[in-house]
N, C-alpha and C. Protein backbone atom coordinates (compact mmCIF):
# COMPACT_ATOMS: atom_id res chain seq x y z
N MET A 1 3.49 -2.73 -25.61
CA MET A 1 2.95 -2.52 -24.33
C MET A 1 3.83 -1.61 -23.58
N ILE A 2 3.32 -0.85 -22.59
CA ILE A 2 4.15 0.10 -21.86
C ILE A 2 5.17 -0.72 -21.00
N HIS A 3 6.56 -0.36 -21.07
CA HIS A 3 7.52 -0.91 -20.39
C HIS A 3 7.26 -1.10 -18.88
N ALA A 4 6.84 -0.05 -18.21
CA ALA A 4 6.65 -0.18 -16.77
C ALA A 4 5.55 -1.24 -16.40
N VAL A 5 4.53 -1.46 -17.21
CA VAL A 5 3.60 -2.47 -16.83
C VAL A 5 4.12 -3.84 -16.98
N THR A 6 4.96 -4.10 -17.99
CA THR A 6 5.55 -5.47 -18.17
C THR A 6 6.85 -5.68 -17.19
N ALA A 7 7.51 -4.64 -16.81
CA ALA A 7 8.70 -4.64 -15.92
C ALA A 7 8.37 -4.68 -14.48
N ARG A 8 7.20 -4.11 -14.12
CA ARG A 8 6.84 -4.03 -12.67
C ARG A 8 6.98 -5.39 -12.00
N ARG A 9 7.45 -5.43 -10.76
CA ARG A 9 7.38 -6.67 -9.89
C ARG A 9 7.15 -6.11 -8.49
N SER A 10 6.67 -7.02 -7.70
CA SER A 10 6.61 -6.87 -6.24
C SER A 10 7.84 -7.17 -5.60
N ILE A 11 8.49 -6.13 -5.07
CA ILE A 11 9.93 -6.32 -4.63
C ILE A 11 9.94 -6.48 -3.03
N ARG A 12 10.61 -7.63 -2.61
CA ARG A 12 10.63 -7.89 -1.22
C ARG A 12 12.08 -7.80 -0.63
N LYS A 13 13.02 -7.38 -1.40
CA LYS A 13 14.40 -7.23 -0.90
C LYS A 13 14.82 -5.93 -1.49
N TYR A 14 15.38 -5.11 -0.57
CA TYR A 14 15.82 -3.82 -0.92
C TYR A 14 17.24 -3.44 -0.43
N ARG A 15 17.93 -2.63 -1.23
CA ARG A 15 19.19 -2.20 -0.79
C ARG A 15 18.93 -1.06 0.12
N SER A 16 20.11 -0.57 0.83
CA SER A 16 19.83 0.47 1.86
C SER A 16 19.98 1.88 1.24
N ASP A 17 20.27 1.98 -0.09
CA ASP A 17 20.49 3.35 -0.71
C ASP A 17 19.19 4.18 -0.44
N GLU A 18 19.47 5.47 -0.10
CA GLU A 18 18.50 6.44 0.02
C GLU A 18 17.81 6.59 -1.38
N VAL A 19 16.54 6.96 -1.33
CA VAL A 19 15.86 7.32 -2.53
C VAL A 19 15.79 8.87 -2.63
N PRO A 20 16.27 9.34 -3.79
CA PRO A 20 16.33 10.94 -3.91
C PRO A 20 14.97 11.44 -3.69
N LEU A 21 14.81 12.57 -3.02
CA LEU A 21 13.62 13.29 -2.80
C LEU A 21 12.75 13.59 -4.14
N PRO A 22 13.46 14.03 -5.20
CA PRO A 22 12.70 14.28 -6.46
C PRO A 22 11.93 13.01 -6.97
N TYR A 23 12.59 11.84 -6.71
CA TYR A 23 11.93 10.63 -7.17
C TYR A 23 10.76 10.37 -6.30
N ILE A 24 10.76 10.57 -4.96
CA ILE A 24 9.63 10.35 -4.12
C ILE A 24 8.55 11.35 -4.54
N GLU A 25 8.94 12.58 -4.81
CA GLU A 25 7.89 13.63 -5.24
C GLU A 25 7.26 13.16 -6.55
N GLU A 26 8.06 12.58 -7.49
CA GLU A 26 7.51 12.21 -8.75
C GLU A 26 6.53 11.02 -8.62
N ILE A 27 6.86 10.14 -7.65
CA ILE A 27 5.97 8.97 -7.47
C ILE A 27 4.56 9.55 -6.77
N LEU A 28 4.71 10.43 -5.83
CA LEU A 28 3.52 11.13 -5.24
C LEU A 28 2.71 11.79 -6.27
N LYS A 29 3.34 12.52 -7.21
CA LYS A 29 2.56 13.28 -8.23
C LYS A 29 1.92 12.25 -9.18
N ALA A 30 2.56 11.12 -9.44
CA ALA A 30 1.90 10.22 -10.33
C ALA A 30 0.56 9.59 -9.69
N GLY A 31 0.62 9.48 -8.34
CA GLY A 31 -0.54 9.06 -7.49
C GLY A 31 -1.64 10.04 -7.71
N THR A 32 -1.34 11.39 -7.67
CA THR A 32 -2.31 12.36 -7.75
C THR A 32 -3.02 12.53 -9.08
N LEU A 33 -2.31 11.98 -10.23
CA LEU A 33 -2.77 11.97 -11.44
C LEU A 33 -3.74 10.99 -11.89
N ALA A 34 -4.04 10.03 -10.91
CA ALA A 34 -4.89 8.87 -11.11
C ALA A 34 -6.36 9.32 -11.32
N PRO A 35 -7.11 8.64 -12.10
CA PRO A 35 -8.52 8.96 -12.20
C PRO A 35 -9.24 8.70 -10.86
N SER A 36 -10.30 9.48 -10.53
CA SER A 36 -10.92 9.27 -9.16
C SER A 36 -12.44 9.49 -9.41
N SER A 37 -13.22 8.72 -8.79
CA SER A 37 -14.68 8.74 -8.88
C SER A 37 -15.16 10.14 -8.45
N LYS A 38 -15.89 10.77 -9.34
CA LYS A 38 -16.52 12.18 -9.16
C LYS A 38 -15.34 13.16 -8.88
N ASN A 39 -14.11 12.83 -9.21
CA ASN A 39 -13.01 13.73 -9.04
C ASN A 39 -12.87 14.06 -7.55
N ARG A 40 -13.13 13.09 -6.68
CA ARG A 40 -12.99 13.30 -5.27
C ARG A 40 -11.51 13.36 -4.68
N GLN A 41 -10.60 12.76 -5.48
CA GLN A 41 -9.28 12.68 -5.16
C GLN A 41 -9.14 12.31 -3.62
N PRO A 42 -9.52 11.16 -3.21
CA PRO A 42 -9.72 10.75 -1.87
C PRO A 42 -8.31 10.48 -1.11
N TRP A 43 -7.26 10.45 -1.85
CA TRP A 43 -5.97 10.02 -1.28
C TRP A 43 -5.39 11.02 -0.40
N ARG A 44 -4.66 10.43 0.60
CA ARG A 44 -3.83 11.26 1.59
C ARG A 44 -2.55 10.34 1.73
N PHE A 45 -1.41 10.94 1.38
CA PHE A 45 -0.17 10.21 1.50
C PHE A 45 0.63 10.74 2.67
N THR A 46 1.38 9.78 3.29
CA THR A 46 2.24 9.96 4.47
C THR A 46 3.62 9.25 4.10
N VAL A 47 4.61 10.08 3.78
CA VAL A 47 5.85 9.56 3.56
C VAL A 47 6.72 9.32 4.82
N VAL A 48 7.22 8.02 5.01
CA VAL A 48 7.80 7.71 6.18
C VAL A 48 9.20 7.21 5.88
N GLN A 49 10.26 7.86 6.54
CA GLN A 49 11.59 7.34 6.38
C GLN A 49 12.40 7.79 7.61
N GLY A 50 13.67 7.36 7.68
CA GLY A 50 14.60 7.83 8.77
C GLY A 50 14.01 7.45 10.09
N LYS A 51 14.14 8.43 11.05
CA LYS A 51 13.76 8.13 12.52
C LYS A 51 12.30 7.86 12.65
N ALA A 52 11.43 8.50 11.84
CA ALA A 52 10.07 8.28 11.85
C ALA A 52 9.70 6.86 11.46
N LYS A 53 10.46 6.19 10.57
CA LYS A 53 10.25 4.91 10.19
C LYS A 53 10.40 3.92 11.28
N LYS A 54 11.34 4.19 12.21
CA LYS A 54 11.54 3.30 13.38
C LYS A 54 10.27 3.31 14.28
N GLU A 55 9.71 4.50 14.46
CA GLU A 55 8.48 4.63 15.26
C GLU A 55 7.27 3.96 14.64
N MET A 56 7.22 3.98 13.22
CA MET A 56 6.17 3.39 12.51
C MET A 56 6.26 1.87 12.63
N LEU A 57 7.55 1.32 12.47
CA LEU A 57 7.83 -0.09 12.61
C LEU A 57 7.32 -0.55 14.00
N SER A 58 7.64 0.23 15.04
CA SER A 58 7.16 -0.13 16.34
C SER A 58 5.71 -0.21 16.44
N ALA A 59 4.98 0.68 15.88
CA ALA A 59 3.54 0.65 15.88
C ALA A 59 3.10 -0.59 15.10
N MET A 60 3.68 -0.92 13.97
CA MET A 60 3.29 -2.11 13.26
C MET A 60 3.47 -3.39 14.02
N GLU A 61 4.70 -3.39 14.72
CA GLU A 61 5.00 -4.51 15.52
C GLU A 61 4.04 -4.70 16.69
N ARG A 62 3.75 -3.63 17.33
CA ARG A 62 2.74 -3.68 18.47
C ARG A 62 1.39 -4.21 17.98
N GLY A 63 1.04 -3.82 16.77
CA GLY A 63 -0.31 -4.33 16.13
C GLY A 63 -0.27 -5.72 15.95
N LEU A 64 0.91 -6.21 15.40
CA LEU A 64 1.05 -7.71 15.15
C LEU A 64 0.92 -8.46 16.46
N ASN A 65 1.56 -7.98 17.48
CA ASN A 65 1.54 -8.52 18.85
C ASN A 65 0.11 -8.64 19.36
N ARG A 66 -0.54 -7.44 19.21
CA ARG A 66 -1.93 -7.39 19.69
C ARG A 66 -2.83 -8.41 18.87
N GLU A 67 -2.57 -8.49 17.63
CA GLU A 67 -3.40 -9.34 16.75
C GLU A 67 -3.30 -10.72 17.22
N ARG A 68 -2.19 -11.09 17.76
CA ARG A 68 -1.97 -12.48 18.18
C ARG A 68 -2.99 -12.88 19.37
N LYS A 69 -3.20 -11.74 20.14
CA LYS A 69 -3.95 -11.99 21.40
C LYS A 69 -5.46 -11.57 21.23
N ASN A 70 -5.72 -10.43 20.53
CA ASN A 70 -6.98 -9.93 20.45
C ASN A 70 -7.20 -9.46 18.93
N PRO A 71 -7.44 -10.40 18.05
CA PRO A 71 -7.45 -10.08 16.62
C PRO A 71 -8.61 -9.15 16.16
N LEU A 72 -8.22 -8.14 15.44
CA LEU A 72 -9.15 -7.39 14.70
C LEU A 72 -9.73 -8.27 13.48
N LEU A 73 -8.93 -9.15 12.96
CA LEU A 73 -9.20 -10.06 11.81
C LEU A 73 -9.12 -11.45 12.26
N PRO A 74 -10.04 -11.84 13.04
CA PRO A 74 -10.01 -13.23 13.51
C PRO A 74 -10.03 -14.30 12.42
N GLY A 75 -10.66 -13.96 11.32
CA GLY A 75 -10.67 -14.98 10.27
C GLY A 75 -9.39 -15.06 9.37
N SER A 76 -8.52 -14.19 9.65
CA SER A 76 -7.26 -14.02 8.94
C SER A 76 -6.08 -14.34 9.71
N VAL A 77 -6.21 -14.96 10.93
CA VAL A 77 -5.12 -15.24 11.82
C VAL A 77 -4.12 -16.07 11.18
N LYS A 78 -4.53 -16.99 10.25
CA LYS A 78 -3.68 -17.87 9.58
C LYS A 78 -2.59 -17.07 8.70
N LEU A 79 -3.05 -15.76 8.36
CA LEU A 79 -2.18 -14.88 7.39
C LEU A 79 -1.12 -14.05 8.21
N LEU A 80 -1.19 -14.17 9.57
CA LEU A 80 -0.27 -13.42 10.38
C LEU A 80 1.09 -13.58 10.17
N LYS A 81 1.55 -14.79 9.75
CA LYS A 81 3.00 -15.01 9.39
C LYS A 81 3.38 -14.25 8.24
N GLY A 82 2.52 -14.08 7.29
CA GLY A 82 2.78 -13.23 6.11
C GLY A 82 2.98 -11.82 6.49
N ALA A 83 2.18 -11.29 7.48
CA ALA A 83 2.24 -10.02 7.94
C ALA A 83 3.51 -9.77 8.68
N GLU A 84 4.00 -10.65 9.34
CA GLU A 84 5.43 -10.65 10.03
C GLU A 84 6.46 -10.53 8.92
N TYR A 85 6.37 -11.28 7.90
CA TYR A 85 7.34 -11.22 6.79
C TYR A 85 7.27 -9.80 6.13
N THR A 86 6.06 -9.25 6.01
CA THR A 86 5.95 -7.93 5.38
C THR A 86 6.58 -6.95 6.37
N LEU A 87 6.52 -7.14 7.64
CA LEU A 87 7.12 -6.20 8.53
C LEU A 87 8.74 -6.23 8.27
N SER A 88 9.30 -7.35 8.07
CA SER A 88 10.71 -7.45 7.77
C SER A 88 11.03 -6.79 6.50
N ILE A 89 10.09 -6.81 5.46
CA ILE A 89 10.39 -5.96 4.18
C ILE A 89 10.33 -4.54 4.42
N MET A 90 9.33 -4.17 5.32
CA MET A 90 9.18 -2.72 5.56
C MET A 90 10.54 -2.20 6.22
N LYS A 91 11.14 -2.96 7.08
CA LYS A 91 12.31 -2.61 7.77
C LYS A 91 13.41 -2.31 6.77
N GLN A 92 13.48 -3.15 5.68
CA GLN A 92 14.51 -2.98 4.57
C GLN A 92 14.24 -1.77 3.72
N ALA A 93 12.97 -1.58 3.32
CA ALA A 93 12.77 -0.43 2.35
C ALA A 93 13.02 0.83 2.94
N PRO A 94 13.78 1.75 2.26
CA PRO A 94 14.16 3.06 2.82
C PRO A 94 13.01 3.92 2.91
N VAL A 95 11.91 3.77 2.06
CA VAL A 95 10.73 4.69 2.10
C VAL A 95 9.47 3.79 2.16
N ILE A 96 8.61 4.27 3.10
CA ILE A 96 7.23 3.61 3.11
C ILE A 96 6.27 4.81 2.95
N ILE A 97 5.37 4.61 1.99
CA ILE A 97 4.30 5.65 1.79
C ILE A 97 3.02 5.03 2.23
N PHE A 98 2.38 5.62 3.15
CA PHE A 98 1.00 5.21 3.57
C PHE A 98 -0.01 5.98 2.78
N VAL A 99 -1.05 5.26 2.40
CA VAL A 99 -2.07 5.86 1.69
C VAL A 99 -3.45 5.63 2.41
N ALA A 100 -4.03 6.80 2.60
CA ALA A 100 -5.32 6.83 3.37
C ALA A 100 -6.32 7.37 2.47
N ASN A 101 -7.63 6.98 2.82
CA ASN A 101 -8.73 7.55 2.20
C ASN A 101 -9.28 8.61 3.05
N ARG A 102 -8.92 9.96 2.68
CA ARG A 102 -9.30 11.00 3.62
C ARG A 102 -10.76 11.28 3.60
N ASN A 103 -11.56 10.71 2.80
CA ASN A 103 -13.03 10.76 2.72
C ASN A 103 -13.63 9.53 3.45
N GLY A 104 -12.76 8.62 3.92
CA GLY A 104 -13.28 7.41 4.38
C GLY A 104 -13.74 7.35 5.79
N THR A 105 -14.41 6.30 6.17
CA THR A 105 -14.77 6.17 7.57
C THR A 105 -13.99 4.91 8.16
N ASP A 106 -13.85 4.86 9.46
CA ASP A 106 -13.26 3.80 10.10
C ASP A 106 -13.79 2.44 9.62
N ILE A 107 -12.81 1.59 9.32
CA ILE A 107 -13.20 0.27 8.74
C ILE A 107 -14.03 -0.56 9.65
N ARG A 108 -14.10 -0.20 10.94
CA ARG A 108 -14.99 -0.99 11.85
C ARG A 108 -16.44 -0.45 11.81
N LYS A 109 -16.64 0.69 11.23
CA LYS A 109 -17.96 1.25 11.31
C LYS A 109 -18.92 0.50 10.31
N ASP A 110 -20.20 0.25 10.62
CA ASP A 110 -21.15 -0.23 9.77
C ASP A 110 -21.60 0.89 8.86
N LEU A 111 -21.74 0.55 7.58
CA LEU A 111 -22.10 1.52 6.49
C LEU A 111 -23.46 1.27 5.94
N ASP A 112 -24.13 2.29 5.67
CA ASP A 112 -25.41 2.16 4.88
C ASP A 112 -25.05 1.93 3.43
N THR A 113 -25.96 1.60 2.57
CA THR A 113 -25.69 1.27 1.20
C THR A 113 -24.98 2.44 0.46
N GLU A 114 -25.39 3.68 0.63
CA GLU A 114 -24.86 4.85 -0.05
C GLU A 114 -23.30 4.99 0.31
N GLU A 115 -23.10 4.96 1.77
CA GLU A 115 -21.81 5.02 2.18
C GLU A 115 -20.87 3.98 1.73
N ARG A 116 -21.42 2.74 1.61
CA ARG A 116 -20.65 1.58 1.06
C ARG A 116 -20.21 1.81 -0.38
N ILE A 117 -21.24 2.36 -1.13
CA ILE A 117 -20.87 2.61 -2.60
C ILE A 117 -19.78 3.69 -2.65
N TYR A 118 -19.81 4.74 -1.82
CA TYR A 118 -18.77 5.69 -1.79
C TYR A 118 -17.46 5.08 -1.49
N GLU A 119 -17.39 4.15 -0.41
CA GLU A 119 -16.23 3.55 -0.03
C GLU A 119 -15.63 2.72 -1.11
N ILE A 120 -16.46 1.92 -1.94
CA ILE A 120 -16.00 1.28 -3.07
C ILE A 120 -15.42 2.15 -4.17
N CYS A 121 -16.14 3.24 -4.41
CA CYS A 121 -15.51 4.17 -5.38
C CYS A 121 -14.21 4.78 -4.97
N ASN A 122 -14.14 5.16 -3.75
CA ASN A 122 -12.84 5.67 -3.23
C ASN A 122 -11.83 4.68 -3.23
N ALA A 123 -12.12 3.44 -2.97
CA ALA A 123 -11.07 2.36 -2.94
C ALA A 123 -10.58 2.16 -4.42
N GLN A 124 -11.50 2.23 -5.39
CA GLN A 124 -10.99 2.08 -6.75
C GLN A 124 -10.06 3.31 -7.15
N SER A 125 -10.39 4.49 -6.70
CA SER A 125 -9.58 5.54 -6.96
C SER A 125 -8.26 5.41 -6.36
N ILE A 126 -8.19 4.99 -5.09
CA ILE A 126 -6.91 4.80 -4.40
C ILE A 126 -6.13 3.72 -5.06
N GLY A 127 -6.83 2.75 -5.41
CA GLY A 127 -6.05 1.56 -6.10
C GLY A 127 -5.36 2.16 -7.48
N ALA A 128 -6.12 2.99 -8.18
CA ALA A 128 -5.55 3.55 -9.37
C ALA A 128 -4.32 4.44 -9.04
N ALA A 129 -4.41 5.22 -7.92
CA ALA A 129 -3.20 6.03 -7.53
C ALA A 129 -2.07 5.18 -7.12
N ILE A 130 -2.32 4.14 -6.42
CA ILE A 130 -1.20 3.19 -5.98
C ILE A 130 -0.54 2.61 -7.25
N GLU A 131 -1.35 2.21 -8.15
CA GLU A 131 -0.87 1.57 -9.45
C GLU A 131 0.02 2.60 -10.10
N ASN A 132 -0.54 3.84 -10.23
CA ASN A 132 0.30 4.89 -10.90
C ASN A 132 1.62 5.05 -10.19
N MET A 133 1.63 4.92 -8.84
CA MET A 133 2.89 5.10 -8.04
C MET A 133 3.78 3.95 -8.31
N THR A 134 3.33 2.68 -8.36
CA THR A 134 4.22 1.55 -8.57
C THR A 134 4.90 1.62 -10.00
N LEU A 135 4.08 2.03 -10.94
CA LEU A 135 4.59 2.11 -12.24
C LEU A 135 5.58 3.28 -12.45
N THR A 136 5.41 4.29 -11.82
CA THR A 136 6.28 5.38 -11.84
C THR A 136 7.65 5.01 -11.13
N ALA A 137 7.53 4.31 -10.01
CA ALA A 137 8.78 3.76 -9.32
C ALA A 137 9.45 2.78 -10.32
N THR A 138 8.89 2.01 -10.98
CA THR A 138 9.44 1.15 -11.92
C THR A 138 10.23 1.99 -13.02
N GLU A 139 9.54 2.93 -13.52
CA GLU A 139 10.21 3.76 -14.62
C GLU A 139 11.42 4.51 -14.00
N LEU A 140 11.46 4.91 -12.80
CA LEU A 140 12.56 5.51 -12.12
C LEU A 140 13.73 4.60 -11.67
N GLY A 141 13.46 3.26 -12.04
CA GLY A 141 14.59 2.26 -11.58
C GLY A 141 14.46 1.75 -10.20
N LEU A 142 13.29 2.04 -9.58
CA LEU A 142 13.14 1.60 -8.23
C LEU A 142 12.15 0.46 -8.15
N GLY A 143 12.18 -0.21 -6.92
CA GLY A 143 11.26 -1.36 -6.81
C GLY A 143 10.20 -0.83 -5.80
N SER A 144 9.02 -1.55 -5.83
CA SER A 144 8.07 -1.23 -4.89
C SER A 144 7.25 -2.44 -4.55
N LEU A 145 6.61 -2.35 -3.39
CA LEU A 145 5.58 -3.44 -2.86
C LEU A 145 4.37 -2.83 -2.33
N TRP A 146 3.27 -3.13 -2.85
CA TRP A 146 1.95 -2.65 -2.45
C TRP A 146 1.61 -3.49 -1.23
N ILE A 147 1.44 -2.80 -0.13
CA ILE A 147 1.22 -3.63 1.19
C ILE A 147 -0.16 -3.37 1.73
N CYS A 148 -0.92 -4.44 1.99
CA CYS A 148 -2.26 -4.43 2.60
C CYS A 148 -2.09 -5.13 4.04
N ASP A 149 -0.99 -5.60 4.33
CA ASP A 149 -0.88 -6.29 5.69
C ASP A 149 -0.99 -5.21 6.77
N THR A 150 -1.02 -3.91 6.52
CA THR A 150 -1.10 -2.89 7.55
C THR A 150 -2.41 -3.14 8.23
N TYR A 151 -3.33 -3.79 7.67
CA TYR A 151 -4.70 -4.00 8.42
C TYR A 151 -4.54 -4.80 9.73
N PHE A 152 -3.52 -5.60 9.75
CA PHE A 152 -3.24 -6.31 11.03
C PHE A 152 -2.80 -5.47 12.13
N ALA A 153 -2.41 -4.26 11.81
CA ALA A 153 -1.97 -3.25 12.73
C ALA A 153 -2.76 -1.93 12.59
N TYR A 154 -3.95 -2.05 12.08
CA TYR A 154 -4.85 -0.91 11.69
C TYR A 154 -4.87 0.09 12.88
N GLU A 155 -5.25 -0.29 14.09
CA GLU A 155 -5.46 0.49 15.21
C GLU A 155 -4.19 1.28 15.60
N GLU A 156 -3.06 0.50 15.62
CA GLU A 156 -1.87 1.16 15.97
C GLU A 156 -1.19 2.09 14.98
N LEU A 157 -1.38 1.69 13.69
CA LEU A 157 -0.86 2.58 12.68
C LEU A 157 -1.69 3.78 12.53
N THR A 158 -2.99 3.66 12.55
CA THR A 158 -3.89 4.73 12.49
C THR A 158 -3.58 5.76 13.59
N GLU A 159 -3.45 5.32 14.82
CA GLU A 159 -3.14 6.18 15.92
C GLU A 159 -1.81 6.83 15.64
N TRP A 160 -0.76 6.10 15.20
CA TRP A 160 0.60 6.70 14.98
C TRP A 160 0.47 7.72 13.93
N LEU A 161 -0.13 7.36 12.89
CA LEU A 161 -0.24 8.28 11.61
C LEU A 161 -1.01 9.52 12.05
N GLY A 162 -2.11 9.31 12.79
CA GLY A 162 -3.01 10.50 13.10
C GLY A 162 -3.64 11.06 11.95
N THR A 163 -3.83 10.26 10.93
CA THR A 163 -4.32 10.69 9.52
C THR A 163 -5.79 10.72 9.63
N GLU A 164 -6.36 11.84 8.92
CA GLU A 164 -7.91 11.87 8.78
C GLU A 164 -8.26 10.77 7.75
N GLY A 165 -9.47 10.25 8.00
CA GLY A 165 -10.01 9.25 7.02
C GLY A 165 -9.60 7.88 7.50
N ALA A 166 -9.41 6.98 6.63
CA ALA A 166 -9.17 5.55 6.86
C ALA A 166 -7.88 5.06 6.12
N LEU A 167 -7.04 4.51 6.86
CA LEU A 167 -5.74 3.89 6.30
C LEU A 167 -6.21 2.75 5.23
N TYR A 168 -5.70 2.83 4.10
CA TYR A 168 -6.02 1.76 3.14
C TYR A 168 -4.79 0.86 2.73
N ALA A 169 -3.64 1.38 2.67
CA ALA A 169 -2.57 0.54 2.21
C ALA A 169 -1.21 1.32 2.44
N ALA A 170 -0.11 0.69 2.17
CA ALA A 170 1.23 1.26 2.22
C ALA A 170 1.92 0.83 0.98
N LEU A 171 2.99 1.58 0.65
CA LEU A 171 3.82 1.28 -0.52
C LEU A 171 5.26 1.36 -0.07
N ALA A 172 5.95 0.17 -0.06
CA ALA A 172 7.43 0.24 0.15
C ALA A 172 8.11 0.63 -1.20
N VAL A 173 9.12 1.45 -0.95
CA VAL A 173 9.89 2.03 -2.15
C VAL A 173 11.38 1.99 -1.79
N GLY A 174 12.10 1.52 -2.89
CA GLY A 174 13.56 1.61 -2.78
C GLY A 174 14.28 0.89 -3.92
N TYR A 175 15.56 0.81 -3.85
CA TYR A 175 16.27 0.09 -4.92
C TYR A 175 16.25 -1.35 -4.72
N ALA A 176 15.73 -1.98 -5.72
CA ALA A 176 15.60 -3.48 -5.52
C ALA A 176 16.91 -4.27 -5.27
N ASP A 177 16.94 -5.17 -4.47
CA ASP A 177 18.06 -6.07 -4.20
C ASP A 177 17.72 -7.49 -4.75
N GLU A 178 16.82 -7.65 -5.59
CA GLU A 178 16.38 -8.87 -6.21
C GLU A 178 15.85 -8.60 -7.62
N SER A 179 15.71 -9.66 -8.41
CA SER A 179 15.06 -9.48 -9.70
C SER A 179 14.14 -10.64 -9.93
N PRO A 180 13.02 -10.62 -9.24
CA PRO A 180 12.04 -11.72 -9.37
C PRO A 180 11.47 -11.92 -10.80
N ALA A 181 11.21 -13.17 -11.12
CA ALA A 181 10.72 -13.48 -12.41
C ALA A 181 9.19 -13.03 -12.37
N PRO A 182 8.54 -12.81 -13.50
CA PRO A 182 7.16 -12.44 -13.44
C PRO A 182 6.30 -13.73 -12.90
N ARG A 183 5.24 -13.35 -12.09
CA ARG A 183 4.40 -14.37 -11.69
C ARG A 183 3.41 -14.83 -12.75
N PRO A 184 2.97 -16.01 -12.70
CA PRO A 184 1.98 -16.48 -13.71
C PRO A 184 0.76 -15.67 -13.75
N ARG A 185 0.16 -15.36 -14.83
CA ARG A 185 -1.05 -14.68 -14.93
C ARG A 185 -2.07 -15.58 -15.57
N LYS A 186 -3.28 -15.31 -15.27
CA LYS A 186 -4.44 -16.13 -15.93
C LYS A 186 -4.58 -15.73 -17.45
N ASP A 187 -4.83 -16.74 -18.24
CA ASP A 187 -5.08 -16.45 -19.61
C ASP A 187 -6.26 -15.53 -19.76
N ILE A 188 -6.25 -14.52 -20.69
CA ILE A 188 -7.26 -13.57 -20.90
C ILE A 188 -8.57 -14.27 -21.31
N ASN A 189 -8.49 -15.40 -22.15
CA ASN A 189 -9.65 -16.06 -22.47
C ASN A 189 -10.31 -16.78 -21.31
N SER A 190 -9.63 -17.14 -20.30
CA SER A 190 -10.27 -17.81 -19.17
C SER A 190 -11.02 -16.91 -18.18
N ILE A 191 -10.71 -15.61 -18.32
CA ILE A 191 -11.34 -14.63 -17.38
C ILE A 191 -12.16 -13.56 -18.16
N THR A 192 -12.43 -13.76 -19.41
CA THR A 192 -13.09 -12.78 -20.17
C THR A 192 -14.29 -13.46 -20.90
N GLU A 193 -15.46 -12.77 -20.70
CA GLU A 193 -16.72 -13.19 -21.49
C GLU A 193 -16.87 -12.10 -22.55
N TRP A 194 -16.92 -12.62 -23.73
CA TRP A 194 -17.32 -11.70 -24.94
C TRP A 194 -18.79 -11.83 -25.26
N ARG A 195 -19.46 -10.70 -25.41
CA ARG A 195 -20.81 -10.61 -25.75
C ARG A 195 -21.08 -9.83 -27.02
């Protein structure tokens, strides 16, 4: 089995060491090599570090504060503590890469069936790009964390990023300051139907 697949972990503690620019570029390149539905290549990456990271963290924090009073995700309020923990992880990681669907529509928009199918296809393509990026980070000796808690601050981060399309996720990248054990996985036979 490929080393990066078995060695990859979701890292939640990072050292403060800077990530070399060629490593970040290699991670981004890996994202662009992912398969994409109809070769749309819907991804748009925004690399955030240094001073810009402080501004982004402020936008994330504003979003979490707003979410407590006027939730975009009222059914997920119980998960807000987890998003606050994610914010603390984002503060540690030297690099945050935001991934947007440049062909996407605002998540609050009602979609017709065809638009919904396109969104599903684009989401799969972006998921493949992020997976390539996490595996490349692992191969480079870096840790990463695929972050979806950005949805709690969707409005604030989207405004701050000014990105075309729809924000889908973020990826924290840096040198790991922990070595977590692998999490249990479901047995292949319990989730597979053979016909």
